[in-house]
PDB file of N, CA and C in Angstrom:
ATOM      1  N   MET A   1      23.928 -42.462  42.598  1.00  0.00           N
ATOM      2  CA  MET A   1      25.175 -42.762  43.239  1.00  0.00           C
ATOM      3  C   MET A   1      25.863 -41.451  43.622  1.00  0.00           C
ATOM      4  N   ASN A   2      26.136 -41.249  44.873  1.00  0.00           N
ATOM      5  CA  ASN A   2      26.803 -40.049  45.378  1.00  0.00           C
ATOM      6  C   ASN A   2      28.290 -40.315  45.525  1.00  0.00           C
ATOM      7  N   SER A   3      29.086 -39.337  45.059  1.00  0.00           N
ATOM      8  CA  SER A   3      30.538 -39.445  45.192  1.00  0.00           C
ATOM      9  C   SER A   3      31.048 -38.267  45.995  1.00  0.00           C
ATOM     10  N   ILE A   4      31.992 -38.552  46.827  1.00  0.00           N
ATOM     11  CA  ILE A   4      32.621 -37.496  47.620  1.00  0.00           C
ATOM     12  C   ILE A   4      34.059 -37.357  47.148  1.00  0.00           C
ATOM     13  N   ILE A   5      34.400 -36.126  46.846  1.00  0.00           N
ATOM     14  CA  ILE A   5      35.757 -35.840  46.400  1.00  0.00           C
ATOM     15  C   ILE A   5      36.441 -35.033  47.487  1.00  0.00           C
ATOM     16  N   THR A   6      37.609 -35.462  47.864  1.00  0.00           N
ATOM     17  CA  THR A   6      38.381 -34.772  48.880  1.00  0.00           C
ATOM     18  C   THR A   6      39.647 -34.232  48.228  1.00  0.00           C
ATOM     19  N   VAL A   7      39.904 -32.954  48.460  1.00  0.00           N
ATOM     20  CA  VAL A   7      41.102 -32.317  47.920  1.00  0.00           C
ATOM     21  C   VAL A   7      41.959 -31.870  49.085  1.00  0.00           C
ATOM     22  N   SER A   8      43.224 -32.219  49.021  1.00  0.00           N
ATOM     23  CA  SER A   8      44.167 -31.845  50.068  1.00  0.00           C
ATOM     24  C   SER A   8      45.275 -31.013  49.425  1.00  0.00           C
ATOM     25  N   ILE A   9      45.573 -29.869  50.012  1.00  0.00           N
ATOM     26  CA  ILE A   9      46.588 -28.971  49.463  1.00  0.00           C
ATOM     27  C   ILE A   9      47.679 -28.768  50.508  1.00  0.00           C
ATOM     28  N   ASP A  10      48.917 -28.964  50.083  1.00  0.00           N
ATOM     29  CA  ASP A  10      50.070 -28.716  50.941  1.00  0.00           C
ATOM     30  C   ASP A  10      50.310 -27.200  50.925  1.00  0.00           C
ATOM     31  N   LYS A  11      50.057 -26.544  52.051  1.00  0.00           N
ATOM     32  CA  LYS A  11      50.135 -25.085  52.123  1.00  0.00           C
ATOM     33  C   LYS A  11      51.532 -24.559  51.780  1.00  0.00           C
ATOM     34  N   ALA A  12      52.555 -25.216  52.293  1.00  0.00           N
ATOM     35  CA  ALA A  12      53.929 -24.767  52.036  1.00  0.00           C
ATOM     36  C   ALA A  12      54.257 -24.873  50.546  1.00  0.00           C
ATOM     37  N   GLU A  13      53.854 -25.969  49.920  1.00  0.00           N
ATOM     38  CA  GLU A  13      54.112 -26.150  48.497  1.00  0.00           C
ATOM     39  C   GLU A  13      53.343 -25.122  47.671  1.00  0.00           C
ATOM     40  N   MET A  14      52.112 -24.841  48.069  1.00  0.00           N
ATOM     41  CA  MET A  14      51.303 -23.853  47.363  1.00  0.00           C
ATOM     42  C   MET A  14      51.938 -22.470  47.459  1.00  0.00           C
ATOM     43  N   GLU A  15      52.422 -22.092  48.642  1.00  0.00           N
ATOM     44  CA  GLU A  15      53.084 -20.796  48.809  1.00  0.00           C
ATOM     45  C   GLU A  15      54.336 -20.720  47.950  1.00  0.00           C
ATOM     46  N   HIS A  16      55.085 -21.821  47.908  1.00  0.00           N
ATOM     47  CA  HIS A  16      56.296 -21.866  47.083  1.00  0.00           C
ATOM     48  C   HIS A  16      55.946 -21.650  45.605  1.00  0.00           C
ATOM     49  N   LEU A  17      54.919 -22.329  45.135  1.00  0.00           N
ATOM     50  CA  LEU A  17      54.510 -22.194  43.734  1.00  0.00           C
ATOM     51  C   LEU A  17      54.021 -20.784  43.417  1.00  0.00           C
ATOM     52  N   VAL A  18      53.285 -20.183  44.340  1.00  0.00           N
ATOM     53  CA  VAL A  18      52.789 -18.817  44.141  1.00  0.00           C
ATOM     54  C   VAL A  18      53.963 -17.837  44.085  1.00  0.00           C
ATOM     55  N   GLN A  19      54.909 -17.961  45.019  1.00  0.00           N
ATOM     56  CA  GLN A  19      56.065 -17.067  45.023  1.00  0.00           C
ATOM     57  C   GLN A  19      56.895 -17.223  43.752  1.00  0.00           C
ATOM     58  N   LYS A  20      57.049 -18.456  43.301  1.00  0.00           N
ATOM     59  CA  LYS A  20      57.793 -18.719  42.074  1.00  0.00           C
ATOM     60  C   LYS A  20      57.118 -18.048  40.877  1.00  0.00           C
ATOM     61  N   GLU A  21      55.809 -18.135  40.806  1.00  0.00           N
ATOM     62  CA  GLU A  21      55.068 -17.526  39.701  1.00  0.00           C
ATOM     63  C   GLU A  21      55.125 -16.001  39.775  1.00  0.00           C
ATOM     64  N   ILE A  22      55.038 -15.448  40.968  1.00  0.00           N
ATOM     65  CA  ILE A  22      55.135 -13.990  41.138  1.00  0.00           C
ATOM     66  C   ILE A  22      56.497 -13.504  40.661  1.00  0.00           C
ATOM     67  N   LYS A  23      57.571 -14.194  41.059  1.00  0.00           N
ATOM     68  CA  LYS A  23      58.917 -13.816  40.613  1.00  0.00           C
ATOM     69  C   LYS A  23      59.020 -13.855  39.091  1.00  0.00           C
ATOM     70  N   ALA A  24      58.469 -14.898  38.488  1.00  0.00           N
ATOM     71  CA  ALA A  24      58.516 -15.021  37.033  1.00  0.00           C
ATOM     72  C   ALA A  24      57.777 -13.870  36.360  1.00  0.00           C
ATOM     73  N   GLN A  25      56.618 -13.494  36.907  1.00  0.00           N
ATOM     74  CA  GLN A  25      55.845 -12.394  36.335  1.00  0.00           C
ATOM     75  C   GLN A  25      56.580 -11.066  36.482  1.00  0.00           C
ATOM     76  N   ILE A  26      57.209 -10.850  37.621  1.00  0.00           N
ATOM     77  CA  ILE A  26      57.964  -9.612  37.843  1.00  0.00           C
ATOM     78  C   ILE A  26      59.137  -9.535  36.881  1.00  0.00           C
ATOM     79  N   GLN A  27      59.843 -10.639  36.688  1.00  0.00           N
ATOM     80  CA  GLN A  27      60.968 -10.649  35.752  1.00  0.00           C
ATOM     81  C   GLN A  27      60.504 -10.357  34.336  1.00  0.00           C
ATOM     82  N   GLU A  28      59.353 -10.894  33.968  1.00  0.00           N
ATOM     83  CA  GLU A  28      58.813 -10.649  32.637  1.00  0.00           C
ATOM     84  C   GLU A  28      58.464  -9.176  32.452  1.00  0.00           C
ATOM     85  N   ILE A  29      57.879  -8.580  33.475  1.00  0.00           N
ATOM     86  CA  ILE A  29      57.526  -7.163  33.414  1.00  0.00           C
ATOM     87  C   ILE A  29      58.790  -6.317  33.326  1.00  0.00           C
ATOM     88  N   ASN A  30      59.769  -6.632  34.171  1.00  0.00           N
ATOM     89  CA  ASN A  30      61.016  -5.865  34.176  1.00  0.00           C
ATOM     90  C   ASN A  30      61.775  -6.002  32.864  1.00  0.00           C
ATOM     91  N   ALA A  31      61.702  -7.160  32.246  1.00  0.00           N
ATOM     92  CA  ALA A  31      62.407  -7.381  30.988  1.00  0.00           C
ATOM     93  C   ALA A  31      61.833  -6.527  29.868  1.00  0.00           C
ATOM     94  N   GLY A  32      60.602  -6.076  30.030  1.00  0.00           N
ATOM     95  CA  GLY A  32      59.962  -5.285  28.989  1.00  0.00           C
ATOM     96  C   GLY A  32      60.502  -3.879  28.870  1.00  0.00           C
ATOM     97  N   LEU A  33      61.167  -3.385  29.883  1.00  0.00           N
ATOM     98  CA  LEU A  33      61.696  -2.025  29.849  1.00  0.00           C
ATOM     99  C   LEU A  33      63.215  -2.063  29.757  1.00  0.00           C
ATOM    100  N   ILE A  34      63.736  -1.539  28.674  1.00  0.00           N
ATOM    101  CA  ILE A  34      65.185  -1.494  28.487  1.00  0.00           C
ATOM    102  C   ILE A  34      65.748  -0.245  29.157  1.00  0.00           C
ATOM    103  N   TYR A  35      65.006   0.852  29.040  1.00  0.00           N
ATOM    104  CA  TYR A  35      65.441   2.127  29.610  1.00  0.00           C
ATOM    105  C   TYR A  35      64.373   2.671  30.544  1.00  0.00           C
ATOM    106  N   TRP A  36      64.835   3.409  31.533  1.00  0.00           N
ATOM    107  CA  TRP A  36      63.931   4.138  32.417  1.00  0.00           C
ATOM    108  C   TRP A  36      64.155   5.623  32.187  1.00  0.00           C
ATOM    109  N   ASP A  37      63.102   6.395  32.310  1.00  0.00           N
ATOM    110  CA  ASP A  37      63.264   7.845  32.379  1.00  0.00           C
ATOM    111  C   ASP A  37      63.179   8.217  33.859  1.00  0.00           C
ATOM    112  N   ILE A  38      63.283   9.495  34.159  1.00  0.00           N
ATOM    113  CA  ILE A  38      63.302   9.910  35.574  1.00  0.00           C
ATOM    114  C   ILE A  38      61.988   9.565  36.268  1.00  0.00           C
ATOM    115  N   LYS A  39      60.888   9.651  35.549  1.00  0.00           N
ATOM    116  CA  LYS A  39      59.587   9.320  36.136  1.00  0.00           C
ATOM    117  C   LYS A  39      59.523   7.834  36.506  1.00  0.00           C
ATOM    118  N   GLU A  40      60.009   6.970  35.635  1.00  0.00           N
ATOM    119  CA  GLU A  40      60.028   5.534  35.909  1.00  0.00           C
ATOM    120  C   GLU A  40      61.002   5.216  37.037  1.00  0.00           C
ATOM    121  N   LEU A  41      62.135   5.906  37.078  1.00  0.00           N
ATOM    122  CA  LEU A  41      63.101   5.715  38.154  1.00  0.00           C
ATOM    123  C   LEU A  41      62.463   6.053  39.498  1.00  0.00           C
ATOM    124  N   CYS A  42      61.718   7.147  39.544  1.00  0.00           N
ATOM    125  CA  CYS A  42      61.017   7.531  40.780  1.00  0.00           C
ATOM    126  C   CYS A  42      60.010   6.455  41.173  1.00  0.00           C
ATOM    127  N   ARG A  43      59.262   5.969  40.206  1.00  0.00           N
ATOM    128  CA  ARG A  43      58.245   4.953  40.485  1.00  0.00           C
ATOM    129  C   ARG A  43      58.882   3.650  40.965  1.00  0.00           C
ATOM    130  N   ARG A  44      59.939   3.219  40.300  1.00  0.00           N
ATOM    131  CA  ARG A  44      60.575   1.945  40.649  1.00  0.00           C
ATOM    132  C   ARG A  44      61.262   1.975  41.999  1.00  0.00           C
ATOM    133  N   THR A  45      61.778   3.113  42.380  1.00  0.00           N
ATOM    134  CA  THR A  45      62.531   3.207  43.634  1.00  0.00           C
ATOM    135  C   THR A  45      61.699   3.728  44.806  1.00  0.00           C
ATOM    136  N   CYS A  46      60.505   4.228  44.519  1.00  0.00           N
ATOM    137  CA  CYS A  46      59.676   4.870  45.555  1.00  0.00           C
ATOM    138  C   CYS A  46      60.422   6.045  46.190  1.00  0.00           C
ATOM    139  N   MET A  47      61.178   6.751  45.368  1.00  0.00           N
ATOM    140  CA  MET A  47      61.917   7.934  45.815  1.00  0.00           C
ATOM    141  C   MET A  47      61.433   9.127  45.010  1.00  0.00           C
ATOM    142  N   SER A  48      61.479  10.286  45.637  1.00  0.00           N
ATOM    143  CA  SER A  48      61.074  11.501  44.935  1.00  0.00           C
ATOM    144  C   SER A  48      62.181  11.953  43.990  1.00  0.00           C
ATOM    145  N   ARG A  49      61.796  12.745  43.030  1.00  0.00           N
ATOM    146  CA  ARG A  49      62.764  13.277  42.059  1.00  0.00           C
ATOM    147  C   ARG A  49      63.852  14.076  42.781  1.00  0.00           C
ATOM    148  N   SER A  50      63.457  14.916  43.727  1.00  0.00           N
ATOM    149  CA  SER A  50      64.446  15.745  44.428  1.00  0.00           C
ATOM    150  C   SER A  50      65.415  14.885  45.241  1.00  0.00           C
ATOM    151  N   PHE A  51      64.920  13.801  45.863  1.00  0.00           N
ATOM    152  CA  PHE A  51      65.792  12.915  46.620  1.00  0.00           C
ATOM    153  C   PHE A  51      66.803  12.241  45.692  1.00  0.00           C
ATOM    154  N   ILE A  52      66.334  11.763  44.561  1.00  0.00           N
ATOM    155  CA  ILE A  52      67.214  11.114  43.584  1.00  0.00           C
ATOM    156  C   ILE A  52      68.283  12.088  43.100  1.00  0.00           C
ATOM    157  N   LEU A  53      67.877  13.309  42.768  1.00  0.00           N
ATOM    158  CA  LEU A  53      68.835  14.309  42.289  1.00  0.00           C
ATOM    159  C   LEU A  53      69.870  14.633  43.355  1.00  0.00           C
ATOM    160  N   GLU A  54      69.439  14.734  44.606  1.00  0.00           N
ATOM    161  CA  GLU A  54      70.347  15.040  45.721  1.00  0.00           C
ATOM    162  C   GLU A  54      71.303  13.905  46.034  1.00  0.00           C
ATOM    163  N   GLN A  55      70.792  12.686  46.023  1.00  0.00           N
ATOM    164  CA  GLN A  55      71.556  11.556  46.551  1.00  0.00           C
ATOM    165  C   GLN A  55      72.511  10.882  45.567  1.00  0.00           C
ATOM    166  N   PHE A  56      72.082  10.660  44.327  1.00  0.00           N
ATOM    167  CA  PHE A  56      72.960   9.881  43.451  1.00  0.00           C
ATOM    168  C   PHE A  56      72.886  10.211  41.964  1.00  0.00           C
ATOM    169  N   PHE A  57      71.937  10.996  41.526  1.00  0.00           N
ATOM    170  CA  PHE A  57      71.772  11.221  40.086  1.00  0.00           C
ATOM    171  C   PHE A  57      73.042  11.774  39.441  1.00  0.00           C
ATOM    172  N   TYR A  58      73.724  12.671  40.130  1.00  0.00           N
ATOM    173  CA  TYR A  58      74.912  13.299  39.561  1.00  0.00           C
ATOM    174  C   TYR A  58      76.202  12.576  39.935  1.00  0.00           C
ATOM    175  N   HIS A  59      76.090  11.422  40.579  1.00  0.00           N
ATOM    176  CA  HIS A  59      77.266  10.605  40.883  1.00  0.00           C
ATOM    177  C   HIS A  59      77.881  10.170  39.551  1.00  0.00           C
ATOM    178  N   PRO A  60      79.202  10.255  39.404  1.00  0.00           N
ATOM    179  CA  PRO A  60      79.823   9.931  38.116  1.00  0.00           C
ATOM    180  C   PRO A  60      79.582   8.494  37.638  1.00  0.00           C
ATOM    181  N   ASP A  61      79.333   7.579  38.551  1.00  0.00           N
ATOM    182  CA  ASP A  61      79.108   6.181  38.168  1.00  0.00           C
ATOM    183  C   ASP A  61      77.647   5.859  37.867  1.00  0.00           C
ATOM    184  N   PHE A  62      76.755   6.812  38.129  1.00  0.00           N
ATOM    185  CA  PHE A  62      75.340   6.544  37.858  1.00  0.00           C
ATOM    186  C   PHE A  62      75.121   6.502  36.346  1.00  0.00           C
ATOM    187  N   PRO A  63      74.556   5.401  35.828  1.00  0.00           N
ATOM    188  CA  PRO A  63      74.415   5.232  34.373  1.00  0.00           C
ATOM    189  C   PRO A  63      73.242   6.023  33.800  1.00  0.00           C
ATOM    190  N   LYS A  64      73.552   7.150  33.186  1.00  0.00           N
ATOM    191  CA  LYS A  64      72.503   7.991  32.596  1.00  0.00           C
ATOM    192  C   LYS A  64      73.017   8.595  31.299  1.00  0.00           C
ATOM    193  N   TYR A  65      72.090   8.803  30.388  1.00  0.00           N
ATOM    194  CA  TYR A  65      72.424   9.365  29.086  1.00  0.00           C
ATOM    195  C   TYR A  65      71.380  10.401  28.737  1.00  0.00           C
ATOM    196  N   LYS A  66      71.827  11.550  28.302  1.00  0.00           N
ATOM    197  CA  LYS A  66      70.892  12.591  27.896  1.00  0.00           C
ATOM    198  C   LYS A  66      70.677  12.493  26.399  1.00  0.00           C
ATOM    199  N   VAL A  67      69.429  12.266  26.011  1.00  0.00           N
ATOM    200  CA  VAL A  67      69.052  12.170  24.611  1.00  0.00           C
ATOM    201  C   VAL A  67      68.091  13.325  24.353  1.00  0.00           C
ATOM    202  N   GLY A  68      68.555  14.323  23.642  1.00  0.00           N
ATOM    203  CA  GLY A  68      67.754  15.531  23.479  1.00  0.00           C
ATOM    204  C   GLY A  68      67.608  16.203  24.836  1.00  0.00           C
ATOM    205  N   THR A  69      66.379  16.337  25.296  1.00  0.00           N
ATOM    206  CA  THR A  69      66.134  16.950  26.605  1.00  0.00           C
ATOM    207  C   THR A  69      65.775  15.901  27.661  1.00  0.00           C
ATOM    208  N   LYS A  70      65.825  14.635  27.302  1.00  0.00           N
ATOM    209  CA  LYS A  70      65.375  13.563  28.190  1.00  0.00           C
ATOM    210  C   LYS A  70      66.555  12.745  28.702  1.00  0.00           C
ATOM    211  N   TRP A  71      66.536  12.450  30.003  1.00  0.00           N
ATOM    212  CA  TRP A  71      67.520  11.558  30.597  1.00  0.00           C
ATOM    213  C   TRP A  71      66.999  10.134  30.522  1.00  0.00           C
ATOM    214  N   LEU A  72      67.839   9.212  30.041  1.00  0.00           N
ATOM    215  CA  LEU A  72      67.493   7.795  29.988  1.00  0.00           C
ATOM    216  C   LEU A  72      68.534   7.002  30.764  1.00  0.00           C
ATOM    217  N   MET A  73      68.033   6.002  31.497  1.00  0.00           N
ATOM    218  CA  MET A  73      68.896   5.146  32.285  1.00  0.00           C
ATOM    219  C   MET A  73      68.667   3.694  31.883  1.00  0.00           C
ATOM    220  N   PRO A  74      69.721   2.954  31.485  1.00  0.00           N
ATOM    221  CA  PRO A  74      69.550   1.538  31.178  1.00  0.00           C
ATOM    222  C   PRO A  74      69.073   0.802  32.432  1.00  0.00           C
ATOM    223  N   SER A  75      67.985   0.077  32.315  1.00  0.00           N
ATOM    224  CA  SER A  75      67.348  -0.509  33.501  1.00  0.00           C
ATOM    225  C   SER A  75      68.265  -1.454  34.279  1.00  0.00           C
ATOM    226  N   LYS A  76      68.930  -2.362  33.615  1.00  0.00           N
ATOM    227  CA  LYS A  76      69.785  -3.342  34.319  1.00  0.00           C
ATOM    228  C   LYS A  76      70.960  -2.658  35.012  1.00  0.00           C
ATOM    229  N   GLU A  77      71.629  -1.748  34.303  1.00  0.00           N
ATOM    230  CA  GLU A  77      72.756  -1.025  34.894  1.00  0.00           C
ATOM    231  C   GLU A  77      72.298  -0.184  36.081  1.00  0.00           C
ATOM    232  N   THR A  78      71.136   0.416  35.944  1.00  0.00           N
ATOM    233  CA  THR A  78      70.597   1.254  37.016  1.00  0.00           C
ATOM    234  C   THR A  78      70.262   0.410  38.235  1.00  0.00           C
ATOM    235  N   GLU A  79      69.650  -0.755  38.021  1.00  0.00           N
ATOM    236  CA  GLU A  79      69.354  -1.651  39.142  1.00  0.00           C
ATOM    237  C   GLU A  79      70.629  -2.047  39.870  1.00  0.00           C
ATOM    238  N   ASN A  80      71.670  -2.389  39.123  1.00  0.00           N
ATOM    239  CA  ASN A  80      72.956  -2.766  39.741  1.00  0.00           C
ATOM    240  C   ASN A  80      73.552  -1.603  40.527  1.00  0.00           C
ATOM    241  N   PHE A  81      73.542  -0.409  39.921  1.00  0.00           N
ATOM    242  CA  PHE A  81      74.071   0.768  40.612  1.00  0.00           C
ATOM    243  C   PHE A  81      73.318   1.002  41.916  1.00  0.00           C
ATOM    244  N   LEU A  82      71.982   0.965  41.845  1.00  0.00           N
ATOM    245  CA  LEU A  82      71.167   1.242  43.035  1.00  0.00           C
ATOM    246  C   LEU A  82      71.392   0.216  44.135  1.00  0.00           C
ATOM    247  N   SER A  83      71.551  -1.024  43.762  1.00  0.00           N
ATOM    248  CA  SER A  83      71.808  -2.069  44.750  1.00  0.00           C
ATOM    249  C   SER A  83      73.124  -1.802  45.474  1.00  0.00           C
ATOM    250  N   ASN A  84      74.163  -1.481  44.717  1.00  0.00           N
ATOM    251  CA  ASN A  84      75.471  -1.175  45.319  1.00  0.00           C
ATOM    252  C   ASN A  84      75.430   0.127  46.112  1.00  0.00           C
ATOM    253  N   TRP A  85      74.732   1.118  45.587  1.00  0.00           N
ATOM    254  CA  TRP A  85      74.612   2.407  46.277  1.00  0.00           C
ATOM    255  C   TRP A  85      73.954   2.218  47.635  1.00  0.00           C
ATOM    256  N   LEU A  86      72.886   1.456  47.679  1.00  0.00           N
ATOM    257  CA  LEU A  86      72.167   1.244  48.933  1.00  0.00           C
ATOM    258  C   LEU A  86      73.045   0.527  49.962  1.00  0.00           C
ATOM    259  N   LYS A  87      73.811  -0.435  49.518  1.00  0.00           N
ATOM    260  CA  LYS A  87      74.710  -1.167  50.433  1.00  0.00           C
ATOM    261  C   LYS A  87      75.758  -0.264  51.040  1.00  0.00           C
ATOM    262  N   ARG A  88      76.111   0.810  50.347  1.00  0.00           N
ATOM    263  CA  ARG A  88      77.123   1.746  50.850  1.00  0.00           C
ATOM    264  C   ARG A  88      76.562   2.801  51.805  1.00  0.00           C
ATOM    265  N   GLN A  89      75.242   2.845  51.945  1.00  0.00           N
ATOM    266  CA  GLN A  89      74.623   3.851  52.802  1.00  0.00           C
ATOM    267  C   GLN A  89      74.769   3.461  54.267  1.00  0.00           C
ATOM    268  N   PRO A  90      74.988   4.458  55.133  1.00  0.00           N
ATOM    269  CA  PRO A  90      75.103   4.159  56.560  1.00  0.00           C
ATOM    270  C   PRO A  90      73.785   3.622  57.126  1.00  0.00           C
ATOM    271  N   ARG A  91      73.880   2.707  58.030  1.00  0.00           N
ATOM    272  CA  ARG A  91      72.693   2.147  58.681  1.00  0.00           C
ATOM    273  C   ARG A  91      72.485   2.823  60.015  1.00  0.00           C
ATOM    274  N   SER A  92      71.277   3.212  60.266  1.00  0.00           N
ATOM    275  CA  SER A  92      70.982   3.893  61.541  1.00  0.00           C
ATOM    276  C   SER A  92      70.528   2.909  62.572  1.00  0.00           C
TER     277      SER A  92
END
């Protein structure tokens, strides 16, 4: 006895589910880091160290703490600062 199985996938629903899962995974990864160092800040922002130092690192509102010889930035506060900082930048 031969059986034929037909599978139908709603492409829009599948894309929605994939995007939802990707967001969940990214949030889980981001939740794992409480603090960023300058190297992580560069990686997360795709900005060079010199650009960060020039543009906003020394801004009085930028959330950073020096512990010994290392600068640490609380990840959530830093994300909020960067989001607001970017919105204030002139658009070309």
